[in-house]
Amino acid sequence: MNKKGMISDLLKKYAIILVLIAMCVFFTVMKPVFINIDNILQVLRNISISGIVAIGMTFCLISGGLDLSVGTIQGSSLIMAALLILQLNVPIILAIIIGMVAAVAIGIVNGVFINELNVPPFITTLATMEIFRGIIYVFTSAKSVYGFPQGFNTFGQGVVFGIPIPVLVFGAIFVLGWLFLNRTTYGRYLYGVGNNAEVARLSGVNVKKVRYLVYAISAFLAGFSGIILLSRLNSGQPRAGIGLEFDAITAAVLGGVSISGGEGKLSGVLFGILIIGVLKNGLILMGVTEYYTMIITGLVLVGAVAIDTTSKINRTKHVAIVQEKE
């Protein structure tokens, strides 16, 4: 390989890191307060919750699926725990466990429709997103739930050695997710199912079991993020989690996870979620309104998907040319 080709490969390999560095430099020049340690910790605190959800979304995408219901699942877990604690006087730990069980149950419902009824993941999770969001509004009358005991917000707002607890939790879950994908049999199964489910099935992989597991994990992580958010806000917000699926998908695709399945690494997703967090924080510091931020992040997602699609087409053409020459 010539020098030009090597440079091109290096740029492709580390493009997302270079983009993150360039964004940090830009926002630091425009608003020097961006580089302050307090602001950096705030960025990390903000991305920790969506980052946990992005890990679950990554599993879904790698397996060839999609989970649009993660925001609603987060809200369901949050509201369930809040109502149990404040209206039924259920012990906090038990309420949290029940909220998590409710979250996983929604994930299993997604798995049933996808596996047993062959409803496409997009339609299934879009439907459950609407159904369970409606249930949240029914039970809360679309009103916030608050009045938690003192100290309840420690998990969401506390720090350990100067590092926010949600950031430490996100780091631990990221390590576990990486180990699952790269060091377990089921991790390899995810890639196999995402590349070609039928070939995986003929190879002895229980495709249905893998898909059930993926949606259960995604729901568990979304529900767990809801508990962290509940503690951070110290109130149950019925609208919690709206739009969360967008950030999770954007972070995953930015990080190199293929929207069509079978490709992607959690290390890339980490940089993807950092880019989303830095972008939003930097734009806020510059006084850019939320509406323009939505436009920009939307363009980022479209651009990332376009690059992914183009790369796949080019790889397919390259393989076809090599096979033709042989």
C-alpha atoms as a PDB file:
ATOM      1  CA  MET A   1       0.000   0.000   0.000  1.00  0.00           C
ATOM      2  CA  ASN A   2       1.383   3.432  -0.953  1.00  0.00           C
ATOM      3  CA  LYS A   3       1.768   6.368   1.443  1.00  0.00           C
ATOM      4  CA  LYS A   4      -1.374   8.095   0.177  1.00  0.00           C
ATOM      5  CA  GLY A   5      -3.440   4.965   0.758  1.00  0.00           C
ATOM      6  CA  MET A   6      -2.047   4.561   4.274  1.00  0.00           C
ATOM      7  CA  ILE A   7      -2.942   8.149   5.160  1.00  0.00           C
ATOM      8  CA  SER A   8      -6.423   7.670   3.734  1.00  0.00           C
ATOM      9  CA  ASP A   9      -6.941   4.512   5.807  1.00  0.00           C
ATOM     10  CA  LEU A  10      -5.700   6.236   8.970  1.00  0.00           C
ATOM     11  CA  LEU A  11      -8.061   9.163   8.398  1.00  0.00           C
ATOM     12  CA  LYS A  12     -11.000   6.797   7.957  1.00  0.00           C
ATOM     13  CA  LYS A  13     -10.037   4.794  11.037  1.00  0.00           C
ATOM     14  CA  TYR A  14      -9.638   7.785  13.334  1.00  0.00           C
ATOM     15  CA  ALA A  15     -12.032  10.213  11.662  1.00  0.00           C
ATOM     16  CA  ILE A  16     -14.490  10.256  14.571  1.00  0.00           C
ATOM     17  CA  ILE A  17     -11.706  11.056  17.060  1.00  0.00           C
ATOM     18  CA  LEU A  18     -10.438  13.860  14.839  1.00  0.00           C
ATOM     19  CA  VAL A  19     -13.963  15.261  14.551  1.00  0.00           C
ATOM     20  CA  LEU A  20     -14.348  15.225  18.347  1.00  0.00           C
ATOM     21  CA  ILE A  21     -11.006  16.980  18.832  1.00  0.00           C
ATOM     22  CA  ALA A  22     -11.850  19.576  16.174  1.00  0.00           C
ATOM     23  CA  MET A  23     -15.209  20.287  17.848  1.00  0.00           C
ATOM     24  CA  CYS A  24     -13.573  20.698  21.252  1.00  0.00           C
ATOM     25  CA  VAL A  25     -10.980  23.102  19.817  1.00  0.00           C
ATOM     26  CA  PHE A  26     -13.678  25.096  17.999  1.00  0.00           C
ATOM     27  CA  PHE A  27     -15.937  25.488  21.034  1.00  0.00           C
ATOM     28  CA  THR A  28     -12.948  26.320  23.263  1.00  0.00           C
ATOM     29  CA  VAL A  29     -11.902  29.108  20.904  1.00  0.00           C
ATOM     30  CA  MET A  30     -15.462  30.417  20.630  1.00  0.00           C
ATOM     31  CA  LYS A  31     -16.276  30.021  24.340  1.00  0.00           C
ATOM     32  CA  PRO A  32     -13.203  29.408  26.572  1.00  0.00           C
ATOM     33  CA  VAL A  33     -15.521  28.396  29.429  1.00  0.00           C
ATOM     34  CA  PHE A  34     -16.144  25.201  27.462  1.00  0.00           C
ATOM     35  CA  ILE A  35     -12.830  23.713  28.607  1.00  0.00           C
ATOM     36  CA  ASN A  36     -13.464  24.391  32.309  1.00  0.00           C
ATOM     37  CA  ILE A  37     -13.483  21.239  34.413  1.00  0.00           C
ATOM     38  CA  ASP A  38     -16.979  21.993  35.732  1.00  0.00           C
ATOM     39  CA  ASN A  39     -18.354  22.220  32.203  1.00  0.00           C
ATOM     40  CA  ILE A  40     -16.549  19.042  31.114  1.00  0.00           C
ATOM     41  CA  LEU A  41     -18.040  17.171  34.068  1.00  0.00           C
ATOM     42  CA  GLN A  42     -21.446  18.569  33.123  1.00  0.00           C
ATOM     43  CA  VAL A  43     -21.049  17.244  29.586  1.00  0.00           C
ATOM     44  CA  LEU A  44     -20.094  13.818  30.939  1.00  0.00           C
ATOM     45  CA  ARG A  45     -23.030  13.854  33.368  1.00  0.00           C
ATOM     46  CA  ASN A  46     -25.413  14.752  30.535  1.00  0.00           C
ATOM     47  CA  ILE A  47     -24.205  12.014  28.190  1.00  0.00           C
ATOM     48  CA  SER A  48     -24.094   9.287  30.834  1.00  0.00           C
ATOM     49  CA  ILE A  49     -27.846   8.613  30.734  1.00  0.00           C
ATOM     50  CA  SER A  50     -28.186   8.679  26.948  1.00  0.00           C
ATOM     51  CA  GLY A  51     -24.906   6.763  26.708  1.00  0.00           C
ATOM     52  CA  ILE A  52     -26.326   3.865  28.723  1.00  0.00           C
ATOM     53  CA  VAL A  53     -29.282   3.732  26.335  1.00  0.00           C
ATOM     54  CA  ALA A  54     -26.957   3.977  23.315  1.00  0.00           C
ATOM     55  CA  ILE A  55     -25.203   0.782  24.438  1.00  0.00           C
ATOM     56  CA  GLY A  56     -28.496  -1.110  24.304  1.00  0.00           C
ATOM     57  CA  MET A  57     -29.336   0.496  20.966  1.00  0.00           C
ATOM     58  CA  THR A  58     -25.961  -0.647  19.640  1.00  0.00           C
ATOM     59  CA  PHE A  59     -26.811  -4.252  20.482  1.00  0.00           C
ATOM     60  CA  CYS A  60     -30.105  -3.909  18.599  1.00  0.00           C
ATOM     61  CA  LEU A  61     -28.524  -2.352  15.520  1.00  0.00           C
ATOM     62  CA  ILE A  62     -25.675  -4.880  15.357  1.00  0.00           C
ATOM     63  CA  SER A  63     -28.225  -7.708  15.453  1.00  0.00           C
ATOM     64  CA  GLY A  64     -30.080  -6.140  12.535  1.00  0.00           C
ATOM     65  CA  GLY A  65     -32.851  -4.673  14.696  1.00  0.00           C
ATOM     66  CA  LEU A  66     -33.952  -1.289  15.993  1.00  0.00           C
ATOM     67  CA  ASP A  67     -35.560  -0.061  19.207  1.00  0.00           C
ATOM     68  CA  LEU A  68     -37.530   3.167  18.944  1.00  0.00           C
ATOM     69  CA  SER A  69     -39.242   2.526  22.264  1.00  0.00           C
ATOM     70  CA  VAL A  70     -36.210   3.210  24.502  1.00  0.00           C
ATOM     71  CA  GLY A  71     -37.411   6.696  25.449  1.00  0.00           C
ATOM     72  CA  THR A  72     -40.830   5.408  26.443  1.00  0.00           C
ATOM     73  CA  ILE A  73     -39.263   2.519  28.350  1.00  0.00           C
ATOM     74  CA  GLN A  74     -37.117   4.988  30.254  1.00  0.00           C
ATOM     75  CA  GLY A  75     -40.218   7.035  31.070  1.00  0.00           C
ATOM     76  CA  SER A  76     -42.195   3.934  32.077  1.00  0.00           C
ATOM     77  CA  SER A  77     -39.538   2.737  34.508  1.00  0.00           C
ATOM     78  CA  LEU A  78     -39.182   6.221  35.954  1.00  0.00           C
ATOM     79  CA  ILE A  79     -42.916   6.832  36.414  1.00  0.00           C
ATOM     80  CA  MET A  80     -43.615   3.331  37.715  1.00  0.00           C
ATOM     81  CA  ALA A  81     -40.999   3.692  40.456  1.00  0.00           C
ATOM     82  CA  ALA A  82     -42.130   7.247  41.274  1.00  0.00           C
ATOM     83  CA  LEU A  83     -45.806   6.310  41.659  1.00  0.00           C
ATOM     84  CA  LEU A  84     -45.005   3.270  43.792  1.00  0.00           C
ATOM     85  CA  ILE A  85     -42.805   5.296  46.138  1.00  0.00           C
ATOM     86  CA  LEU A  86     -45.019   8.356  46.502  1.00  0.00           C
ATOM     87  CA  GLN A  87     -48.561   7.032  46.180  1.00  0.00           C
ATOM     88  CA  LEU A  88     -48.323   3.464  47.501  1.00  0.00           C
ATOM     89  CA  ASN A  89     -45.443   3.957  49.977  1.00  0.00           C
ATOM     90  CA  VAL A  90     -43.534   1.014  48.509  1.00  0.00           C
ATOM     91  CA  PRO A  91     -39.915   0.826  49.787  1.00  0.00           C
ATOM     92  CA  ILE A  92     -37.546   2.590  47.394  1.00  0.00           C
ATOM     93  CA  ILE A  93     -35.467  -0.475  46.480  1.00  0.00           C
ATOM     94  CA  LEU A  94     -38.552  -2.595  45.807  1.00  0.00           C
ATOM     95  CA  ALA A  95     -40.118   0.204  43.724  1.00  0.00           C
ATOM     96  CA  ILE A  96     -36.947   0.453  41.633  1.00  0.00           C
ATOM     97  CA  ILE A  97     -36.906  -3.319  41.069  1.00  0.00           C
ATOM     98  CA  ILE A  98     -40.562  -3.268  39.973  1.00  0.00           C
ATOM     99  CA  GLY A  99     -39.834  -0.353  37.642  1.00  0.00           C
ATOM    100  CA  MET A 100     -36.972  -2.307  36.087  1.00  0.00           C
ATOM    101  CA  VAL A 101     -39.156  -5.410  35.710  1.00  0.00           C
ATOM    102  CA  ALA A 102     -41.759  -3.261  33.920  1.00  0.00           C
ATOM    103  CA  ALA A 103     -39.052  -1.981  31.567  1.00  0.00           C
ATOM    104  CA  VAL A 104     -37.807  -5.479  30.695  1.00  0.00           C
ATOM    105  CA  ALA A 105     -41.414  -6.611  30.195  1.00  0.00           C
ATOM    106  CA  ILE A 106     -41.821  -4.002  27.450  1.00  0.00           C
ATOM    107  CA  GLY A 107     -38.633  -5.312  25.842  1.00  0.00           C
ATOM    108  CA  ILE A 108     -40.036  -8.848  25.906  1.00  0.00           C
ATOM    109  CA  VAL A 109     -43.276  -7.575  24.340  1.00  0.00           C
ATOM    110  CA  ASN A 110     -41.139  -6.128  21.543  1.00  0.00           C
ATOM    111  CA  GLY A 111     -39.424  -9.505  21.183  1.00  0.00           C
ATOM    112  CA  VAL A 112     -42.750 -11.365  20.974  1.00  0.00           C
ATOM    113  CA  PHE A 113     -44.084  -9.194  18.153  1.00  0.00           C
ATOM    114  CA  ILE A 114     -40.792  -9.335  16.247  1.00  0.00           C
ATOM    115  CA  ASN A 115     -40.071 -13.051  16.747  1.00  0.00           C
ATOM    116  CA  GLU A 116     -43.466 -14.690  16.899  1.00  0.00           C
ATOM    117  CA  LEU A 117     -45.613 -12.390  14.745  1.00  0.00           C
ATOM    118  CA  ASN A 118     -42.852 -11.287  12.328  1.00  0.00           C
ATOM    119  CA  VAL A 119     -43.698  -7.602  12.744  1.00  0.00           C
ATOM    120  CA  PRO A 120     -40.680  -5.511  11.615  1.00  0.00           C
ATOM    121  CA  PRO A 121     -38.692  -3.966  14.505  1.00  0.00           C
ATOM    122  CA  PHE A 122     -39.380  -0.445  13.229  1.00  0.00           C
ATOM    123  CA  ILE A 123     -43.171  -0.917  13.349  1.00  0.00           C
ATOM    124  CA  THR A 124     -43.120  -2.914  16.589  1.00  0.00           C
ATOM    125  CA  THR A 125     -41.056  -0.466  18.605  1.00  0.00           C
ATOM    126  CA  LEU A 126     -42.788   2.545  17.056  1.00  0.00           C
ATOM    127  CA  ALA A 127     -46.108   1.090  18.227  1.00  0.00           C
ATOM    128  CA  THR A 128     -44.932   0.239  21.742  1.00  0.00           C
ATOM    129  CA  MET A 129     -43.382   3.694  21.966  1.00  0.00           C
ATOM    130  CA  GLU A 130     -46.820   5.245  21.445  1.00  0.00           C
ATOM    131  CA  ILE A 131     -48.828   2.703  23.455  1.00  0.00           C
ATOM    132  CA  PHE A 132     -46.800   2.875  26.643  1.00  0.00           C
ATOM    133  CA  ARG A 133     -46.299   6.641  26.411  1.00  0.00           C
ATOM    134  CA  GLY A 134     -50.078   6.901  26.346  1.00  0.00           C
ATOM    135  CA  ILE A 135     -50.291   4.641  29.405  1.00  0.00           C
ATOM    136  CA  ILE A 136     -47.839   6.926  31.226  1.00  0.00           C
ATOM    137  CA  TYR A 137     -50.068   9.943  30.520  1.00  0.00           C
ATOM    138  CA  VAL A 138     -53.164   8.051  31.664  1.00  0.00           C
ATOM    139  CA  PHE A 139     -51.647   7.123  35.029  1.00  0.00           C
ATOM    140  CA  THR A 140     -50.120  10.561  35.672  1.00  0.00           C
ATOM    141  CA  SER A 141     -52.708  12.755  33.907  1.00  0.00           C
ATOM    142  CA  ALA A 142     -49.602  14.169  32.195  1.00  0.00           C
ATOM    143  CA  LYS A 143     -48.547  15.783  35.498  1.00  0.00           C
ATOM    144  CA  SER A 144     -45.191  15.529  37.251  1.00  0.00           C
ATOM    145  CA  VAL A 145     -44.807  13.390  40.357  1.00  0.00           C
ATOM    146  CA  TYR A 146     -42.626  14.808  43.134  1.00  0.00           C
ATOM    147  CA  GLY A 147     -42.026  14.807  46.886  1.00  0.00           C
ATOM    148  CA  PHE A 148     -39.280  12.226  47.284  1.00  0.00           C
ATOM    149  CA  PRO A 149     -37.518  11.690  50.621  1.00  0.00           C
ATOM    150  CA  GLN A 150     -34.289  13.509  51.383  1.00  0.00           C
ATOM    151  CA  GLY A 151     -31.247  11.798  49.933  1.00  0.00           C
ATOM    152  CA  PHE A 152     -33.137  10.159  47.063  1.00  0.00           C
ATOM    153  CA  ASN A 153     -31.245  12.323  44.571  1.00  0.00           C
ATOM    154  CA  THR A 154     -27.816  11.039  45.647  1.00  0.00           C
ATOM    155  CA  PHE A 155     -27.636   8.381  42.932  1.00  0.00           C
ATOM    156  CA  GLY A 156     -28.357  10.886  40.166  1.00  0.00           C
ATOM    157  CA  GLN A 157     -26.613  13.964  41.541  1.00  0.00           C
ATOM    158  CA  GLY A 158     -23.882  12.649  43.852  1.00  0.00           C
ATOM    159  CA  VAL A 159     -20.158  12.460  43.165  1.00  0.00           C
ATOM    160  CA  VAL A 160     -17.368  10.069  44.144  1.00  0.00           C
ATOM    161  CA  PHE A 161     -13.834  11.488  44.198  1.00  0.00           C
ATOM    162  CA  GLY A 162     -15.119  14.438  42.182  1.00  0.00           C
ATOM    163  CA  ILE A 163     -16.664  12.282  39.441  1.00  0.00           C
ATOM    164  CA  PRO A 164     -20.477  12.235  39.054  1.00  0.00           C
ATOM    165  CA  ILE A 165     -21.973   8.854  40.030  1.00  0.00           C
ATOM    166  CA  PRO A 166     -23.925   8.542  36.715  1.00  0.00           C
ATOM    167  CA  VAL A 167     -20.617   8.858  34.837  1.00  0.00           C
ATOM    168  CA  LEU A 168     -19.082   6.045  36.903  1.00  0.00           C
ATOM    169  CA  VAL A 169     -22.175   3.894  36.297  1.00  0.00           C
ATOM    170  CA  PHE A 170     -22.003   4.566  32.559  1.00  0.00           C
ATOM    171  CA  GLY A 171     -18.317   3.607  32.553  1.00  0.00           C
ATOM    172  CA  ALA A 172     -19.040   0.318  34.328  1.00  0.00           C
ATOM    173  CA  ILE A 173     -21.889  -0.549  31.955  1.00  0.00           C
ATOM    174  CA  PHE A 174     -19.721   0.348  28.961  1.00  0.00           C
ATOM    175  CA  VAL A 175     -17.005  -2.088  30.129  1.00  0.00           C
ATOM    176  CA  LEU A 176     -19.587  -4.843  30.680  1.00  0.00           C
ATOM    177  CA  GLY A 177     -21.110  -4.155  27.260  1.00  0.00           C
ATOM    178  CA  TRP A 178     -17.690  -4.321  25.600  1.00  0.00           C
ATOM    179  CA  LEU A 179     -16.935  -7.628  27.317  1.00  0.00           C
ATOM    180  CA  PHE A 180     -20.325  -9.002  26.242  1.00  0.00           C
ATOM    181  CA  LEU A 181     -19.782  -8.108  22.585  1.00  0.00           C
ATOM    182  CA  ASN A 182     -16.142  -9.117  22.352  1.00  0.00           C
ATOM    183  CA  ARG A 183     -15.662 -11.927  24.854  1.00  0.00           C
ATOM    184  CA  THR A 184     -18.885 -13.959  24.846  1.00  0.00           C
ATOM    185  CA  THR A 185     -20.529 -16.392  22.473  1.00  0.00           C
ATOM    186  CA  TYR A 186     -23.728 -14.347  22.432  1.00  0.00           C
ATOM    187  CA  GLY A 187     -21.733 -11.310  21.386  1.00  0.00           C
ATOM    188  CA  ARG A 188     -20.528 -13.184  18.316  1.00  0.00           C
ATOM    189  CA  TYR A 189     -24.064 -14.385  17.691  1.00  0.00           C
ATOM    190  CA  LEU A 190     -25.251 -10.766  17.535  1.00  0.00           C
ATOM    191  CA  TYR A 191     -22.902 -10.036  14.641  1.00  0.00           C
ATOM    192  CA  GLY A 192     -23.850 -13.270  12.893  1.00  0.00           C
ATOM    193  CA  VAL A 193     -27.585 -12.593  13.136  1.00  0.00           C
ATOM    194  CA  GLY A 194     -27.051  -9.010  11.963  1.00  0.00           C
ATOM    195  CA  ASN A 195     -25.015 -10.091   8.937  1.00  0.00           C
ATOM    196  CA  ASN A 196     -27.419 -12.812   7.825  1.00  0.00           C
ATOM    197  CA  ALA A 197     -30.048 -14.243  10.168  1.00  0.00           C
ATOM    198  CA  GLU A 198     -30.791 -17.248   7.940  1.00  0.00           C
ATOM    199  CA  VAL A 199     -27.135 -18.255   7.651  1.00  0.00           C
ATOM    200  CA  ALA A 200     -26.802 -17.859  11.425  1.00  0.00           C
ATOM    201  CA  ARG A 201     -29.853 -20.081  11.949  1.00  0.00           C
ATOM    202  CA  LEU A 202     -28.458 -22.765   9.637  1.00  0.00           C
ATOM    203  CA  SER A 203     -25.191 -22.582  11.594  1.00  0.00           C
ATOM    204  CA  GLY A 204     -27.025 -23.555  14.755  1.00  0.00           C
ATOM    205  CA  VAL A 205     -27.667 -20.130  16.272  1.00  0.00           C
ATOM    206  CA  ASN A 206     -31.015 -19.740  18.021  1.00  0.00           C
ATOM    207  CA  VAL A 207     -31.950 -16.484  16.262  1.00  0.00           C
ATOM    208  CA  LYS A 208     -35.158 -15.969  18.246  1.00  0.00           C
ATOM    209  CA  LYS A 209     -33.329 -16.350  21.538  1.00  0.00           C
ATOM    210  CA  VAL A 210     -30.707 -13.827  20.464  1.00  0.00           C
ATOM    211  CA  ARG A 211     -33.368 -11.299  19.465  1.00  0.00           C
ATOM    212  CA  TYR A 212     -35.275 -11.751  22.723  1.00  0.00           C
ATOM    213  CA  LEU A 213     -32.037 -11.192  24.610  1.00  0.00           C
ATOM    214  CA  VAL A 214     -31.171  -8.071  22.611  1.00  0.00           C
ATOM    215  CA  TYR A 215     -34.514  -6.357  23.223  1.00  0.00           C
ATOM    216  CA  ALA A 216     -34.511  -7.383  26.887  1.00  0.00           C
ATOM    217  CA  ILE A 217     -31.031  -5.874  27.341  1.00  0.00           C
ATOM    218  CA  SER A 218     -32.002  -2.703  25.494  1.00  0.00           C
ATOM    219  CA  ALA A 219     -35.108  -2.344  27.676  1.00  0.00           C
ATOM    220  CA  PHE A 220     -33.162  -3.088  30.864  1.00  0.00           C
ATOM    221  CA  LEU A 221     -30.598  -0.389  30.103  1.00  0.00           C
ATOM    222  CA  ALA A 222     -33.289   2.114  29.118  1.00  0.00           C
ATOM    223  CA  GLY A 223     -35.190   1.337  32.316  1.00  0.00           C
ATOM    224  CA  PHE A 224     -32.043   1.644  34.428  1.00  0.00           C
ATOM    225  CA  SER A 225     -31.275   5.011  32.841  1.00  0.00           C
ATOM    226  CA  GLY A 226     -34.803   6.042  33.860  1.00  0.00           C
ATOM    227  CA  ILE A 227     -34.040   5.298  37.518  1.00  0.00           C
ATOM    228  CA  ILE A 228     -30.873   7.425  37.311  1.00  0.00           C
ATOM    229  CA  LEU A 229     -32.837  10.238  35.666  1.00  0.00           C
ATOM    230  CA  LEU A 230     -35.544  10.012  38.342  1.00  0.00           C
ATOM    231  CA  SER A 231     -32.902  10.443  41.029  1.00  0.00           C
ATOM    232  CA  ARG A 232     -31.238  13.265  39.148  1.00  0.00           C
ATOM    233  CA  LEU A 233     -34.459  15.227  38.576  1.00  0.00           C
ATOM    234  CA  ASN A 234     -35.877  14.226  41.967  1.00  0.00           C
ATOM    235  CA  SER A 235     -39.274  14.122  40.270  1.00  0.00           C
ATOM    236  CA  GLY A 236     -41.178  11.890  37.867  1.00  0.00           C
ATOM    237  CA  GLN A 237     -41.633  13.680  34.554  1.00  0.00           C
ATOM    238  CA  PRO A 238     -44.243  12.085  32.207  1.00  0.00           C
ATOM    239  CA  ARG A 239     -42.366  13.450  29.185  1.00  0.00           C
ATOM    240  CA  ALA A 240     -39.052  11.968  30.283  1.00  0.00           C
ATOM    241  CA  GLY A 241     -37.266  10.108  27.507  1.00  0.00           C
ATOM    242  CA  ILE A 242     -38.993  11.802  24.561  1.00  0.00           C
ATOM    243  CA  GLY A 243     -36.461  11.993  21.718  1.00  0.00           C
ATOM    244  CA  LEU A 244     -33.993   9.736  23.534  1.00  0.00           C
ATOM    245  CA  GLU A 245     -34.094   7.165  20.734  1.00  0.00           C
ATOM    246  CA  PHE A 246     -32.808   9.820  18.327  1.00  0.00           C
ATOM    247  CA  ASP A 247     -29.674  10.538  20.387  1.00  0.00           C
ATOM    248  CA  ALA A 248     -29.029   6.819  20.903  1.00  0.00           C
ATOM    249  CA  ILE A 249     -29.302   5.994  17.197  1.00  0.00           C
ATOM    250  CA  THR A 250     -27.242   9.028  16.181  1.00  0.00           C
ATOM    251  CA  ALA A 251     -24.453   8.144  18.629  1.00  0.00           C
ATOM    252  CA  ALA A 252     -24.366   4.536  17.438  1.00  0.00           C
ATOM    253  CA  VAL A 253     -24.312   5.381  13.736  1.00  0.00           C
ATOM    254  CA  LEU A 254     -21.738   8.140  14.251  1.00  0.00           C
ATOM    255  CA  GLY A 255     -19.628   5.550  16.040  1.00  0.00           C
ATOM    256  CA  GLY A 256     -19.592   3.271  13.009  1.00  0.00           C
ATOM    257  CA  VAL A 257     -22.474   0.914  13.808  1.00  0.00           C
ATOM    258  CA  SER A 258     -24.147  -0.045  10.540  1.00  0.00           C
ATOM    259  CA  ILE A 259     -27.840   0.771  10.321  1.00  0.00           C
ATOM    260  CA  SER A 260     -28.320  -2.463   8.371  1.00  0.00           C
ATOM    261  CA  GLY A 261     -26.683  -4.644  11.045  1.00  0.00           C
ATOM    262  CA  GLY A 262     -23.631  -6.840  11.487  1.00  0.00           C
ATOM    263  CA  GLU A 263     -21.044  -4.094  12.016  1.00  0.00           C
ATOM    264  CA  GLY A 264     -19.933  -1.785  14.769  1.00  0.00           C
ATOM    265  CA  LYS A 265     -17.905  -1.440  17.963  1.00  0.00           C
ATOM    266  CA  LEU A 266     -18.774   0.061  21.324  1.00  0.00           C
ATOM    267  CA  SER A 267     -15.527   2.030  21.319  1.00  0.00           C
ATOM    268  CA  GLY A 268     -16.827   3.982  18.332  1.00  0.00           C
ATOM    269  CA  VAL A 269     -20.198   4.504  20.020  1.00  0.00           C
ATOM    270  CA  LEU A 270     -18.413   6.064  22.998  1.00  0.00           C
ATOM    271  CA  PHE A 271     -16.951   8.726  20.723  1.00  0.00           C
ATOM    272  CA  GLY A 272     -20.319   9.092  19.011  1.00  0.00           C
ATOM    273  CA  ILE A 273     -22.102   9.910  22.268  1.00  0.00           C
ATOM    274  CA  LEU A 274     -19.268  12.278  23.226  1.00  0.00           C
ATOM    275  CA  ILE A 275     -19.714  14.139  19.943  1.00  0.00           C
ATOM    276  CA  ILE A 276     -23.455  14.507  20.574  1.00  0.00           C
ATOM    277  CA  GLY A 277     -22.807  15.762  24.113  1.00  0.00           C
ATOM    278  CA  VAL A 278     -20.080  18.201  23.080  1.00  0.00           C
ATOM    279  CA  LEU A 279     -22.161  19.493  20.166  1.00  0.00           C
ATOM    280  CA  LYS A 280     -25.215  20.205  22.310  1.00  0.00           C
ATOM    281  CA  ASN A 281     -23.215  21.742  25.139  1.00  0.00           C
ATOM    282  CA  GLY A 282     -21.131  23.901  22.813  1.00  0.00           C
ATOM    283  CA  LEU A 283     -24.159  25.192  20.954  1.00  0.00           C
ATOM    284  CA  ILE A 284     -25.875  26.094  24.246  1.00  0.00           C
ATOM    285  CA  LEU A 285     -22.779  28.008  25.396  1.00  0.00           C
ATOM    286  CA  MET A 286     -22.803  29.893  22.086  1.00  0.00           C
ATOM    287  CA  GLY A 287     -26.437  30.852  22.626  1.00  0.00           C
ATOM    288  CA  VAL A 288     -27.815  28.754  19.779  1.00  0.00           C
ATOM    289  CA  THR A 289     -31.513  28.010  20.371  1.00  0.00           C
ATOM    290  CA  GLU A 290     -32.854  24.492  20.841  1.00  0.00           C
ATOM    291  CA  TYR A 291     -34.577  24.601  17.447  1.00  0.00           C
ATOM    292  CA  TYR A 292     -31.341  25.147  15.553  1.00  0.00           C
ATOM    293  CA  THR A 293     -29.692  22.437  17.671  1.00  0.00           C
ATOM    294  CA  MET A 294     -32.398  20.016  16.524  1.00  0.00           C
ATOM    295  CA  ILE A 295     -31.716  20.935  12.890  1.00  0.00           C
ATOM    296  CA  ILE A 296     -27.980  20.439  13.281  1.00  0.00           C
ATOM    297  CA  THR A 297     -28.230  17.081  15.072  1.00  0.00           C
ATOM    298  CA  GLY A 298     -30.730  15.915  12.454  1.00  0.00           C
ATOM    299  CA  LEU A 299     -28.265  16.785   9.708  1.00  0.00           C
ATOM    300  CA  VAL A 300     -25.532  14.945  11.609  1.00  0.00           C
ATOM    301  CA  LEU A 301     -27.656  11.768  11.675  1.00  0.00           C
ATOM    302  CA  VAL A 302     -28.544  11.993   7.972  1.00  0.00           C
ATOM    303  CA  GLY A 303     -24.884  12.569   7.106  1.00  0.00           C
ATOM    304  CA  ALA A 304     -23.726   9.621   9.221  1.00  0.00           C
ATOM    305  CA  VAL A 305     -26.277   7.264   7.637  1.00  0.00           C
ATOM    306  CA  ALA A 306     -25.377   8.505   4.148  1.00  0.00           C
ATOM    307  CA  ILE A 307     -21.692   7.805   4.810  1.00  0.00           C
ATOM    308  CA  ASP A 308     -22.519   4.331   6.171  1.00  0.00           C
ATOM    309  CA  THR A 309     -24.677   3.491   3.150  1.00  0.00           C
ATOM    310  CA  THR A 310     -22.105   4.805   0.667  1.00  0.00           C
ATOM    311  CA  SER A 311     -19.318   2.845   2.372  1.00  0.00           C
ATOM    312  CA  LYS A 312     -21.338  -0.380   2.155  1.00  0.00           C
ATOM    313  CA  ILE A 313     -22.068   0.162  -1.529  1.00  0.00           C
ATOM    314  CA  ASN A 314     -18.398   0.843  -2.256  1.00  0.00           C
ATOM    315  CA  ARG A 315     -17.294  -2.270  -0.329  1.00  0.00           C
ATOM    316  CA  THR A 316     -19.829  -4.385  -2.230  1.00  0.00           C
ATOM    317  CA  LYS A 317     -18.560  -3.021  -5.556  1.00  0.00           C
ATOM    318  CA  HIS A 318     -14.951  -3.662  -4.516  1.00  0.00           C
ATOM    319  CA  VAL A 319     -15.687  -7.271  -3.553  1.00  0.00           C
ATOM    320  CA  ALA A 320     -17.534  -7.805  -6.852  1.00  0.00           C
ATOM    321  CA  ILE A 321     -14.581  -6.426  -8.832  1.00  0.00           C
ATOM    322  CA  VAL A 322     -12.076  -8.630  -6.959  1.00  0.00           C
ATOM    323  CA  GLN A 323     -14.232 -11.733  -7.492  1.00  0.00           C
ATOM    324  CA  GLU A 324     -14.605 -10.883 -11.178  1.00  0.00           C
ATOM    325  CA  LYS A 325     -10.831 -10.606 -11.566  1.00  0.00           C
ATOM    326  CA  GLU A 326     -10.336 -13.964  -9.861  1.00  0.00           C
END
